[in-house]
Amino acid sequence: MKLGLVDLVKGLLSQAGIESTIFDGVEPDPSIETVRKGTVLMSEYGPDWVVAVGGGSVMDAAKAMRVEYERPDMTIEEVFGWTSGLGLGAKSRLICIPTTSGTGAEATWAIVLTDTAERRKLGLGCRETLPDIAIVDPAFAIAMPPGLMAQTGMDVLTHAIEGFTSTWRNDISNGLCLRAIQLVFQYLPRACRDGQDMEAREKMHNAACIAGMGFGNSMAALAHAAGHSLGAVFHVPHGRAVELFLPYSIEFIGEAHEELWAEIAHSIRLEMPKGAKAGPALARAIGGLARAVSKNH
C-alpha cells in the first residue's frame, strides 16, 4: 500500500471499467482470524475476481479467503488433500502478483496459515487452490530491501533443493528445481548487493516462480517442517527459518541422497577436492551463500 503498488493495480482495473475494493489487513504469517475477516469483506462485496498483491503471506491469505468465500459451508482448515470436487471458480477467479521473490505462492496450491491459539502453522490447500493467473513482474519487487531479498532468496533455494530431493521428485520438478538452484547461486548475491541491478532482480523473481512450480509438483521436506515449527513459536521470518535448517538437514540426510547432492553440486559447478562427499560440500556452500548475502543488510 505504502509503495503505491496497490493503487497501480486498482488504477489499471479502473481503466478497464472494473470496480474494486481493498482488504489490507494481512500480517506476516497470516492467522486464521485474518482470513475470516477477509472472507467477511468478500462475502459483502461479492467479487468475481480476487487479486492478491503482495508476498507469500498475502497470496496464501487470499487463497484461503477465496475458498471460504466460495464454499461458506466449509472452513479453510478442512481443505487439505482434495484432488477435485471443491468447485472453486464458480463465483470467482484468483490472480496473484508477487511483490517478493521467495515463496513462489503464485505458482503453487499451498496455503500456510498460523493458528495463534495453538502456536502452530497449518499447511493446507489442494489442486483447486492454485491461482488462475500469475503476473510475475520484477518491477513489483524492485523495492525489496537487501535483508528481505536475502531471506526470500534463501527460501527459493530451500524450495528448489527440497523439491529436487523429495521422494515425490519427478522429471518435470527436477528440471525446474535445478534451474532455480542455478539462478539463486548466480544472481542472489548480486540482487542483494545492488537493488537497482534489474537483471539480477528479474532472475531472482523468475527463480522464485520456477522453484514454486518445481516443489509444487513434488514436495518440500525436512527444512520446511522444522522451519515452520520455529516460525510458529518464535515468529522467525519464514525464509530465515528454512535457511537456518537447510544445511543441517542435508548433513542429517547425508549419504542417502549422495547422488542427488552430487547432481546439484555439478549443476552449480561447485569445486570439491577429489573423493570428497557432495553432501557436506553443498551444505558448506549454502552456509557460505547465506553469510555472503547477509552482509548486505
C-alpha atoms as a PDB file:
ATOM      1  CA  MET A   1       0.000   0.000   0.000  1.00  0.00           C
ATOM      2  CA  LYS A   2       2.715   2.495   1.026  1.00  0.00           C
ATOM      3  CA  LEU A   3       4.742   1.780  -2.122  1.00  0.00           C
ATOM      4  CA  GLY A   4       1.764   2.582  -4.343  1.00  0.00           C
ATOM      5  CA  LEU A   5       1.641  -0.889  -5.892  1.00  0.00           C
ATOM      6  CA  VAL A   6      -1.959  -1.486  -4.869  1.00  0.00           C
ATOM      7  CA  ASP A   7      -3.014   1.898  -6.263  1.00  0.00           C
ATOM      8  CA  LEU A   8      -1.278   0.986  -9.516  1.00  0.00           C
ATOM      9  CA  VAL A   9      -3.279  -2.232  -9.827  1.00  0.00           C
ATOM     10  CA  LYS A  10      -6.504  -0.542  -8.739  1.00  0.00           C
ATOM     11  CA  GLY A  11      -5.936   2.187 -11.336  1.00  0.00           C
ATOM     12  CA  LEU A  12      -5.427  -0.333 -14.118  1.00  0.00           C
ATOM     13  CA  LEU A  13      -8.608  -2.140 -13.101  1.00  0.00           C
ATOM     14  CA  SER A  14     -10.475   1.161 -13.098  1.00  0.00           C
ATOM     15  CA  GLN A  15      -9.209   1.954 -16.594  1.00  0.00           C
ATOM     16  CA  ALA A  16     -10.662  -1.374 -17.708  1.00  0.00           C
ATOM     17  CA  GLY A  17     -14.021  -0.471 -16.167  1.00  0.00           C
ATOM     18  CA  ILE A  18     -13.607  -2.879 -13.245  1.00  0.00           C
ATOM     19  CA  GLU A  19     -14.710  -1.754  -9.803  1.00  0.00           C
ATOM     20  CA  SER A  20     -12.693  -2.982  -6.821  1.00  0.00           C
ATOM     21  CA  THR A  21     -12.316  -2.708  -3.073  1.00  0.00           C
ATOM     22  CA  ILE A  22      -9.263  -3.340  -0.892  1.00  0.00           C
ATOM     23  CA  PHE A  23      -8.542  -5.571   2.089  1.00  0.00           C
ATOM     24  CA  ASP A  24      -5.138  -4.608   3.522  1.00  0.00           C
ATOM     25  CA  GLY A  25      -5.211  -6.355   6.882  1.00  0.00           C
ATOM     26  CA  VAL A  26      -2.897  -9.286   6.141  1.00  0.00           C
ATOM     27  CA  GLU A  27       0.004  -9.606   8.578  1.00  0.00           C
ATOM     28  CA  PRO A  28       3.209 -11.676   8.174  1.00  0.00           C
ATOM     29  CA  ASP A  29       2.415 -15.355   8.817  1.00  0.00           C
ATOM     30  CA  PRO A  30      -1.327 -14.700   8.421  1.00  0.00           C
ATOM     31  CA  SER A  31      -3.684 -16.055  11.038  1.00  0.00           C
ATOM     32  CA  ILE A  32      -6.942 -17.916  10.603  1.00  0.00           C
ATOM     33  CA  GLU A  33      -8.666 -14.916  12.198  1.00  0.00           C
ATOM     34  CA  THR A  34      -7.324 -12.613   9.473  1.00  0.00           C
ATOM     35  CA  VAL A  35      -8.649 -14.958   6.818  1.00  0.00           C
ATOM     36  CA  ARG A  36     -12.087 -14.832   8.431  1.00  0.00           C
ATOM     37  CA  LYS A  37     -12.062 -11.012   8.353  1.00  0.00           C
ATOM     38  CA  GLY A  38     -11.174 -11.007   4.664  1.00  0.00           C
ATOM     39  CA  THR A  39     -13.849 -13.576   3.919  1.00  0.00           C
ATOM     40  CA  VAL A  40     -16.480 -11.338   5.526  1.00  0.00           C
ATOM     41  CA  LEU A  41     -15.474  -8.455   3.230  1.00  0.00           C
ATOM     42  CA  MET A  42     -15.539 -10.719   0.172  1.00  0.00           C
ATOM     43  CA  SER A  43     -18.978 -12.015   1.077  1.00  0.00           C
ATOM     44  CA  GLU A  44     -20.286  -8.456   1.432  1.00  0.00           C
ATOM     45  CA  TYR A  45     -18.650  -7.205  -1.783  1.00  0.00           C
ATOM     46  CA  GLY A  46     -19.212 -10.270  -3.980  1.00  0.00           C
ATOM     47  CA  PRO A  47     -16.146 -10.148  -6.275  1.00  0.00           C
ATOM     48  CA  ASP A  48     -15.801 -12.258  -9.400  1.00  0.00           C
ATOM     49  CA  TRP A  49     -12.013 -11.739  -9.351  1.00  0.00           C
ATOM     50  CA  VAL A  50      -9.710 -11.806  -6.334  1.00  0.00           C
ATOM     51  CA  VAL A  51      -6.360 -10.061  -6.897  1.00  0.00           C
ATOM     52  CA  ALA A  52      -3.566 -10.720  -4.388  1.00  0.00           C
ATOM     53  CA  VAL A  53      -0.791  -8.095  -4.479  1.00  0.00           C
ATOM     54  CA  GLY A  54       1.959  -8.895  -2.002  1.00  0.00           C
ATOM     55  CA  GLY A  55       4.314 -11.541  -0.697  1.00  0.00           C
ATOM     56  CA  GLY A  56       3.602 -15.117   0.277  1.00  0.00           C
ATOM     57  CA  SER A  57       1.515 -14.148   3.294  1.00  0.00           C
ATOM     58  CA  VAL A  58      -0.852 -12.048   1.183  1.00  0.00           C
ATOM     59  CA  MET A  59      -1.156 -14.674  -1.541  1.00  0.00           C
ATOM     60  CA  ASP A  60      -1.749 -17.525   0.915  1.00  0.00           C
ATOM     61  CA  ALA A  61      -4.357 -15.475   2.788  1.00  0.00           C
ATOM     62  CA  ALA A  62      -6.108 -14.627  -0.486  1.00  0.00           C
ATOM     63  CA  LYS A  63      -6.232 -18.305  -1.459  1.00  0.00           C
ATOM     64  CA  ALA A  64      -7.786 -19.164   1.892  1.00  0.00           C
ATOM     65  CA  MET A  65     -10.297 -16.288   1.808  1.00  0.00           C
ATOM     66  CA  ARG A  66     -11.400 -17.298  -1.655  1.00  0.00           C
ATOM     67  CA  VAL A  67     -12.069 -20.865  -0.500  1.00  0.00           C
ATOM     68  CA  GLU A  68     -14.263 -19.736   2.368  1.00  0.00           C
ATOM     69  CA  TYR A  69     -15.963 -17.131   0.136  1.00  0.00           C
ATOM     70  CA  GLU A  70     -16.868 -19.722  -2.487  1.00  0.00           C
ATOM     71  CA  ARG A  71     -17.588 -22.503  -0.011  1.00  0.00           C
ATOM     72  CA  PRO A  72     -19.218 -20.910   3.061  1.00  0.00           C
ATOM     73  CA  ASP A  73     -20.223 -24.415   4.148  1.00  0.00           C
ATOM     74  CA  MET A  74     -16.546 -25.211   4.781  1.00  0.00           C
ATOM     75  CA  THR A  75     -13.704 -23.801   6.845  1.00  0.00           C
ATOM     76  CA  ILE A  76     -10.223 -23.453   5.397  1.00  0.00           C
ATOM     77  CA  GLU A  77      -8.902 -25.980   7.935  1.00  0.00           C
ATOM     78  CA  GLU A  78     -10.886 -28.674   6.111  1.00  0.00           C
ATOM     79  CA  VAL A  79      -9.125 -28.055   2.797  1.00  0.00           C
ATOM     80  CA  PHE A  80      -6.219 -30.421   2.569  1.00  0.00           C
ATOM     81  CA  GLY A  81      -5.539 -33.207   0.106  1.00  0.00           C
ATOM     82  CA  TRP A  82      -8.627 -32.703  -2.044  1.00  0.00           C
ATOM     83  CA  THR A  83      -7.924 -33.734  -5.611  1.00  0.00           C
ATOM     84  CA  SER A  84     -11.159 -32.296  -7.013  1.00  0.00           C
ATOM     85  CA  GLY A  85     -14.705 -31.507  -6.038  1.00  0.00           C
ATOM     86  CA  LEU A  86     -14.382 -28.175  -4.239  1.00  0.00           C
ATOM     87  CA  GLY A  87     -15.887 -26.403  -7.207  1.00  0.00           C
ATOM     88  CA  LEU A  88     -13.701 -23.300  -6.959  1.00  0.00           C
ATOM     89  CA  GLY A  89     -14.157 -20.895  -9.839  1.00  0.00           C
ATOM     90  CA  ALA A  90     -17.936 -20.877  -9.808  1.00  0.00           C
ATOM     91  CA  LYS A  91     -18.003 -17.466  -8.083  1.00  0.00           C
ATOM     92  CA  SER A  92     -14.502 -16.047  -8.604  1.00  0.00           C
ATOM     93  CA  ARG A  93     -11.056 -16.443 -10.112  1.00  0.00           C
ATOM     94  CA  LEU A  94      -7.710 -15.673  -8.457  1.00  0.00           C
ATOM     95  CA  ILE A  95      -4.824 -13.535  -9.766  1.00  0.00           C
ATOM     96  CA  CYS A  96      -1.557 -13.394  -7.808  1.00  0.00           C
ATOM     97  CA  ILE A  97       1.000 -10.607  -8.284  1.00  0.00           C
ATOM     98  CA  PRO A  98       4.068 -11.331  -6.108  1.00  0.00           C
ATOM     99  CA  THR A  99       5.958  -8.375  -4.630  1.00  0.00           C
ATOM    100  CA  THR A 100       8.705 -10.533  -3.085  1.00  0.00           C
ATOM    101  CA  SER A 101      10.982 -13.045  -4.781  1.00  0.00           C
ATOM    102  CA  GLY A 102      10.705 -16.014  -2.484  1.00  0.00           C
ATOM    103  CA  THR A 103       7.658 -18.124  -1.770  1.00  0.00           C
ATOM    104  CA  GLY A 104       6.522 -18.870  -5.305  1.00  0.00           C
ATOM    105  CA  ALA A 105       2.976 -18.884  -3.885  1.00  0.00           C
ATOM    106  CA  GLU A 106       1.708 -17.507  -7.180  1.00  0.00           C
ATOM    107  CA  ALA A 107       2.528 -20.863  -8.759  1.00  0.00           C
ATOM    108  CA  THR A 108       1.566 -23.352  -6.024  1.00  0.00           C
ATOM    109  CA  TRP A 109      -1.600 -24.660  -4.409  1.00  0.00           C
ATOM    110  CA  ALA A 110      -0.090 -24.486  -0.918  1.00  0.00           C
ATOM    111  CA  ILE A 111      -1.608 -22.329   1.828  1.00  0.00           C
ATOM    112  CA  VAL A 112       0.332 -21.743   5.065  1.00  0.00           C
ATOM    113  CA  LEU A 113      -1.616 -20.138   7.920  1.00  0.00           C
ATOM    114  CA  THR A 114      -0.917 -19.580  11.605  1.00  0.00           C
ATOM    115  CA  ASP A 115      -3.054 -20.992  14.382  1.00  0.00           C
ATOM    116  CA  THR A 116      -2.312 -18.352  17.011  1.00  0.00           C
ATOM    117  CA  ALA A 117      -4.143 -20.216  19.782  1.00  0.00           C
ATOM    118  CA  GLU A 118      -2.047 -23.380  19.398  1.00  0.00           C
ATOM    119  CA  ARG A 119       1.092 -21.572  18.170  1.00  0.00           C
ATOM    120  CA  ARG A 120       1.496 -23.748  15.116  1.00  0.00           C
ATOM    121  CA  LYS A 121       1.478 -23.388  11.366  1.00  0.00           C
ATOM    122  CA  LEU A 122      -1.048 -25.174   9.184  1.00  0.00           C
ATOM    123  CA  GLY A 123      -0.118 -26.490   5.753  1.00  0.00           C
ATOM    124  CA  LEU A 124      -3.334 -26.527   3.740  1.00  0.00           C
ATOM    125  CA  GLY A 125      -4.564 -26.467   0.162  1.00  0.00           C
ATOM    126  CA  CYS A 126      -5.386 -28.709  -2.779  1.00  0.00           C
ATOM    127  CA  ARG A 127      -5.118 -28.638  -6.548  1.00  0.00           C
ATOM    128  CA  GLU A 128      -8.037 -26.235  -6.889  1.00  0.00           C
ATOM    129  CA  THR A 129      -6.384 -23.549  -4.751  1.00  0.00           C
ATOM    130  CA  LEU A 130      -3.753 -22.972  -7.441  1.00  0.00           C
ATOM    131  CA  PRO A 131      -4.091 -19.366  -8.728  1.00  0.00           C
ATOM    132  CA  ASP A 132      -5.717 -18.963 -12.131  1.00  0.00           C
ATOM    133  CA  ILE A 133      -3.255 -16.275 -13.263  1.00  0.00           C
ATOM    134  CA  ALA A 134       0.194 -15.267 -12.010  1.00  0.00           C
ATOM    135  CA  ILE A 135       1.721 -11.941 -13.061  1.00  0.00           C
ATOM    136  CA  VAL A 136       5.457 -12.268 -12.380  1.00  0.00           C
ATOM    137  CA  ASP A 137       6.797  -8.761 -12.962  1.00  0.00           C
ATOM    138  CA  PRO A 138      10.105  -7.823 -11.271  1.00  0.00           C
ATOM    139  CA  ALA A 139       9.017  -4.184 -11.212  1.00  0.00           C
ATOM    140  CA  PHE A 140       6.732  -5.121  -8.323  1.00  0.00           C
ATOM    141  CA  ALA A 141       9.693  -6.478  -6.335  1.00  0.00           C
ATOM    142  CA  ILE A 142      12.285  -3.791  -7.020  1.00  0.00           C
ATOM    143  CA  ALA A 143      11.608  -2.042  -3.698  1.00  0.00           C
ATOM    144  CA  MET A 144      12.640  -5.083  -1.642  1.00  0.00           C
ATOM    145  CA  PRO A 145      15.451  -4.091   0.775  1.00  0.00           C
ATOM    146  CA  PRO A 146      18.601  -6.267   0.833  1.00  0.00           C
ATOM    147  CA  GLY A 147      17.607  -8.084   4.028  1.00  0.00           C
ATOM    148  CA  LEU A 148      14.249  -9.167   2.647  1.00  0.00           C
ATOM    149  CA  MET A 149      15.856 -10.078  -0.664  1.00  0.00           C
ATOM    150  CA  ALA A 150      18.341 -12.311   1.162  1.00  0.00           C
ATOM    151  CA  GLN A 151      15.681 -14.056   3.257  1.00  0.00           C
ATOM    152  CA  THR A 152      13.295 -14.670   0.380  1.00  0.00           C
ATOM    153  CA  GLY A 153      16.125 -15.734  -1.913  1.00  0.00           C
ATOM    154  CA  MET A 154      17.234 -18.412   0.529  1.00  0.00           C
ATOM    155  CA  ASP A 155      13.613 -19.561   0.673  1.00  0.00           C
ATOM    156  CA  VAL A 156      13.782 -20.045  -3.102  1.00  0.00           C
ATOM    157  CA  LEU A 157      16.914 -22.156  -2.692  1.00  0.00           C
ATOM    158  CA  THR A 158      15.266 -24.286   0.003  1.00  0.00           C
ATOM    159  CA  HIS A 159      12.186 -24.861  -2.144  1.00  0.00           C
ATOM    160  CA  ALA A 160      14.335 -25.896  -5.076  1.00  0.00           C
ATOM    161  CA  ILE A 161      16.711 -28.216  -3.201  1.00  0.00           C
ATOM    162  CA  GLU A 162      13.918 -29.906  -1.264  1.00  0.00           C
ATOM    163  CA  GLY A 163      11.766 -30.172  -4.380  1.00  0.00           C
ATOM    164  CA  PHE A 164      14.676 -31.821  -6.201  1.00  0.00           C
ATOM    165  CA  THR A 165      15.349 -34.341  -3.433  1.00  0.00           C
ATOM    166  CA  SER A 166      11.785 -35.079  -2.272  1.00  0.00           C
ATOM    167  CA  THR A 167      10.601 -38.670  -2.540  1.00  0.00           C
ATOM    168  CA  TRP A 168       7.903 -37.351  -4.905  1.00  0.00           C
ATOM    169  CA  ARG A 169      10.510 -35.873  -7.261  1.00  0.00           C
ATOM    170  CA  ASN A 170       9.889 -36.408 -10.979  1.00  0.00           C
ATOM    171  CA  ASP A 171      11.290 -35.389 -14.350  1.00  0.00           C
ATOM    172  CA  ILE A 172       9.273 -32.163 -14.504  1.00  0.00           C
ATOM    173  CA  SER A 173      10.081 -30.982 -10.978  1.00  0.00           C
ATOM    174  CA  ASN A 174      13.748 -31.962 -11.373  1.00  0.00           C
ATOM    175  CA  GLY A 175      14.367 -29.648 -14.313  1.00  0.00           C
ATOM    176  CA  LEU A 176      12.582 -26.713 -12.720  1.00  0.00           C
ATOM    177  CA  CYS A 177      14.306 -27.120  -9.363  1.00  0.00           C
ATOM    178  CA  LEU A 178      17.801 -27.464 -10.801  1.00  0.00           C
ATOM    179  CA  ARG A 179      17.367 -24.300 -12.865  1.00  0.00           C
ATOM    180  CA  ALA A 180      16.108 -22.387  -9.822  1.00  0.00           C
ATOM    181  CA  ILE A 181      19.138 -23.551  -7.800  1.00  0.00           C
ATOM    182  CA  GLN A 182      21.489 -22.298 -10.520  1.00  0.00           C
ATOM    183  CA  LEU A 183      19.751 -18.921 -10.682  1.00  0.00           C
ATOM    184  CA  VAL A 184      19.954 -18.417  -6.908  1.00  0.00           C
ATOM    185  CA  PHE A 185      23.676 -19.169  -6.667  1.00  0.00           C
ATOM    186  CA  GLN A 186      24.392 -16.953  -9.661  1.00  0.00           C
ATOM    187  CA  TYR A 187      22.143 -13.966  -9.035  1.00  0.00           C
ATOM    188  CA  LEU A 188      21.159 -13.738  -5.340  1.00  0.00           C
ATOM    189  CA  PRO A 189      24.457 -12.120  -4.226  1.00  0.00           C
ATOM    190  CA  ARG A 190      24.105  -9.519  -6.988  1.00  0.00           C
ATOM    191  CA  ALA A 191      20.445  -8.849  -6.183  1.00  0.00           C
ATOM    192  CA  CYS A 192      21.304  -8.251  -2.527  1.00  0.00           C
ATOM    193  CA  ARG A 193      24.383  -6.149  -3.285  1.00  0.00           C
ATOM    194  CA  ASP A 194      22.659  -3.750  -5.706  1.00  0.00           C
ATOM    195  CA  GLY A 195      18.905  -3.264  -5.554  1.00  0.00           C
ATOM    196  CA  GLN A 196      18.989  -1.496  -8.933  1.00  0.00           C
ATOM    197  CA  ASP A 197      20.572  -4.491 -10.692  1.00  0.00           C
ATOM    198  CA  MET A 198      17.444  -5.247 -12.710  1.00  0.00           C
ATOM    199  CA  GLU A 199      18.914  -8.313 -14.387  1.00  0.00           C
ATOM    200  CA  ALA A 200      19.637  -9.922 -11.021  1.00  0.00           C
ATOM    201  CA  ARG A 201      16.263  -8.864  -9.595  1.00  0.00           C
ATOM    202  CA  GLU A 202      14.438 -10.251 -12.630  1.00  0.00           C
ATOM    203  CA  LYS A 203      16.351 -13.535 -12.489  1.00  0.00           C
ATOM    204  CA  MET A 204      15.522 -13.953  -8.784  1.00  0.00           C
ATOM    205  CA  HIS A 205      11.855 -13.116  -9.371  1.00  0.00           C
ATOM    206  CA  ASN A 206      11.785 -15.759 -12.088  1.00  0.00           C
ATOM    207  CA  ALA A 207      13.660 -18.215  -9.856  1.00  0.00           C
ATOM    208  CA  ALA A 208      11.036 -17.875  -7.124  1.00  0.00           C
ATOM    209  CA  CYS A 209       8.245 -18.756  -9.534  1.00  0.00           C
ATOM    210  CA  ILE A 210      10.240 -21.580 -11.147  1.00  0.00           C
ATOM    211  CA  ALA A 211      11.046 -23.086  -7.735  1.00  0.00           C
ATOM    212  CA  GLY A 212       7.380 -22.778  -6.784  1.00  0.00           C
ATOM    213  CA  MET A 213       6.368 -24.743  -9.856  1.00  0.00           C
ATOM    214  CA  GLY A 214       9.141 -27.218  -9.084  1.00  0.00           C
ATOM    215  CA  PHE A 215       8.434 -28.100  -5.472  1.00  0.00           C
ATOM    216  CA  GLY A 216       4.711 -27.641  -6.110  1.00  0.00           C
ATOM    217  CA  ASN A 217       4.954 -30.694  -8.361  1.00  0.00           C
ATOM    218  CA  SER A 218       6.954 -32.697  -5.803  1.00  0.00           C
ATOM    219  CA  MET A 219       7.073 -31.505  -2.184  1.00  0.00           C
ATOM    220  CA  ALA A 220       9.101 -29.618   0.412  1.00  0.00           C
ATOM    221  CA  ALA A 221      10.846 -31.575   3.153  1.00  0.00           C
ATOM    222  CA  LEU A 222      12.653 -31.546   6.491  1.00  0.00           C
ATOM    223  CA  ALA A 223      13.975 -27.963   6.482  1.00  0.00           C
ATOM    224  CA  HIS A 224      10.449 -26.670   5.870  1.00  0.00           C
ATOM    225  CA  ALA A 225       8.959 -28.863   8.594  1.00  0.00           C
ATOM    226  CA  ALA A 226      11.499 -27.599  11.124  1.00  0.00           C
ATOM    227  CA  GLY A 227      11.284 -24.034   9.826  1.00  0.00           C
ATOM    228  CA  HIS A 228       7.511 -23.923  10.203  1.00  0.00           C
ATOM    229  CA  SER A 229       7.816 -25.100  13.803  1.00  0.00           C
ATOM    230  CA  LEU A 230      10.453 -22.475  14.598  1.00  0.00           C
ATOM    231  CA  GLY A 231       8.475 -19.725  12.882  1.00  0.00           C
ATOM    232  CA  ALA A 232       5.204 -20.551  14.609  1.00  0.00           C
ATOM    233  CA  VAL A 233       6.714 -20.418  18.101  1.00  0.00           C
ATOM    234  CA  PHE A 234       9.361 -17.695  17.771  1.00  0.00           C
ATOM    235  CA  HIS A 235       7.970 -15.702  14.794  1.00  0.00           C
ATOM    236  CA  VAL A 236      11.187 -16.013  12.820  1.00  0.00           C
ATOM    237  CA  PRO A 237      10.607 -14.909   9.188  1.00  0.00           C
ATOM    238  CA  HIS A 238       9.915 -17.921   7.002  1.00  0.00           C
ATOM    239  CA  GLY A 239      12.886 -17.531   4.666  1.00  0.00           C
ATOM    240  CA  ARG A 240      15.315 -17.132   7.549  1.00  0.00           C
ATOM    241  CA  ALA A 241      13.837 -20.133   9.377  1.00  0.00           C
ATOM    242  CA  VAL A 242      14.120 -22.597   6.499  1.00  0.00           C
ATOM    243  CA  GLU A 243      17.536 -21.198   5.516  1.00  0.00           C
ATOM    244  CA  LEU A 244      18.761 -21.978   9.021  1.00  0.00           C
ATOM    245  CA  PHE A 245      17.773 -25.633   8.819  1.00  0.00           C
ATOM    246  CA  LEU A 246      18.656 -26.392   5.180  1.00  0.00           C
ATOM    247  CA  PRO A 247      22.405 -27.147   5.581  1.00  0.00           C
ATOM    248  CA  TYR A 248      21.779 -29.230   8.704  1.00  0.00           C
ATOM    249  CA  SER A 249      19.024 -31.233   7.022  1.00  0.00           C
ATOM    250  CA  ILE A 250      21.414 -32.002   4.151  1.00  0.00           C
ATOM    251  CA  GLU A 251      24.042 -33.201   6.624  1.00  0.00           C
ATOM    252  CA  PHE A 252      21.433 -35.226   8.520  1.00  0.00           C
ATOM    253  CA  ILE A 253      20.175 -36.980   5.378  1.00  0.00           C
ATOM    254  CA  GLY A 254      23.777 -37.491   4.307  1.00  0.00           C
ATOM    255  CA  GLU A 255      24.775 -40.307   2.006  1.00  0.00           C
ATOM    256  CA  ALA A 256      21.204 -41.464   1.465  1.00  0.00           C
ATOM    257  CA  HIS A 257      20.965 -38.673  -1.127  1.00  0.00           C
ATOM    258  CA  GLU A 258      24.619 -38.522  -2.162  1.00  0.00           C
ATOM    259  CA  GLU A 259      23.857 -38.931  -5.872  1.00  0.00           C
ATOM    260  CA  LEU A 260      21.335 -36.082  -5.731  1.00  0.00           C
ATOM    261  CA  TRP A 261      23.692 -33.817  -3.791  1.00  0.00           C
ATOM    262  CA  ALA A 262      26.337 -34.565  -6.408  1.00  0.00           C
ATOM    263  CA  GLU A 263      23.961 -33.663  -9.230  1.00  0.00           C
ATOM    264  CA  ILE A 264      23.186 -30.330  -7.578  1.00  0.00           C
ATOM    265  CA  ALA A 265      26.884 -29.661  -6.921  1.00  0.00           C
ATOM    266  CA  HIS A 266      27.696 -30.373 -10.568  1.00  0.00           C
ATOM    267  CA  SER A 267      24.899 -28.067 -11.787  1.00  0.00           C
ATOM    268  CA  ILE A 268      26.331 -25.091  -9.860  1.00  0.00           C
ATOM    269  CA  ARG A 269      29.949 -26.004 -10.725  1.00  0.00           C
ATOM    270  CA  LEU A 270      30.834 -26.487  -7.068  1.00  0.00           C
ATOM    271  CA  GLU A 271      34.559 -27.149  -6.681  1.00  0.00           C
ATOM    272  CA  MET A 272      35.352 -30.084  -4.401  1.00  0.00           C
ATOM    273  CA  PRO A 273      38.510 -31.994  -3.534  1.00  0.00           C
ATOM    274  CA  LYS A 274      38.811 -35.311  -5.319  1.00  0.00           C
ATOM    275  CA  GLY A 275      36.932 -38.022  -3.437  1.00  0.00           C
ATOM    276  CA  ALA A 276      35.022 -35.566  -1.253  1.00  0.00           C
ATOM    277  CA  LYS A 277      31.363 -36.208  -0.486  1.00  0.00           C
ATOM    278  CA  ALA A 278      28.964 -33.835  -2.210  1.00  0.00           C
ATOM    279  CA  GLY A 279      26.513 -33.510   0.711  1.00  0.00           C
ATOM    280  CA  PRO A 280      28.870 -31.793   3.193  1.00  0.00           C
ATOM    281  CA  ALA A 281      30.346 -29.664   0.400  1.00  0.00           C
ATOM    282  CA  LEU A 282      26.883 -28.496  -0.666  1.00  0.00           C
ATOM    283  CA  ALA A 283      25.916 -27.732   2.937  1.00  0.00           C
ATOM    284  CA  ARG A 284      29.063 -25.584   3.313  1.00  0.00           C
ATOM    285  CA  ALA A 285      28.310 -23.791   0.035  1.00  0.00           C
ATOM    286  CA  ILE A 286      24.786 -22.972   1.203  1.00  0.00           C
ATOM    287  CA  GLY A 287      26.128 -21.673   4.503  1.00  0.00           C
ATOM    288  CA  GLY A 288      28.661 -19.556   2.632  1.00  0.00           C
ATOM    289  CA  LEU A 289      25.959 -18.130   0.372  1.00  0.00           C
ATOM    290  CA  ALA A 290      23.774 -17.299   3.382  1.00  0.00           C
ATOM    291  CA  ARG A 291      26.637 -15.493   5.104  1.00  0.00           C
ATOM    292  CA  ALA A 292      27.564 -13.617   1.918  1.00  0.00           C
ATOM    293  CA  VAL A 293      24.075 -12.238   1.308  1.00  0.00           C
ATOM    294  CA  SER A 294      23.520 -11.426   4.983  1.00  0.00           C
ATOM    295  CA  LYS A 295      26.437  -8.970   4.855  1.00  0.00           C
ATOM    296  CA  ASN A 296      24.349  -6.661   2.689  1.00  0.00           C
ATOM    297  CA  HIS A 297      21.874  -5.789   5.472  1.00  0.00           C
END
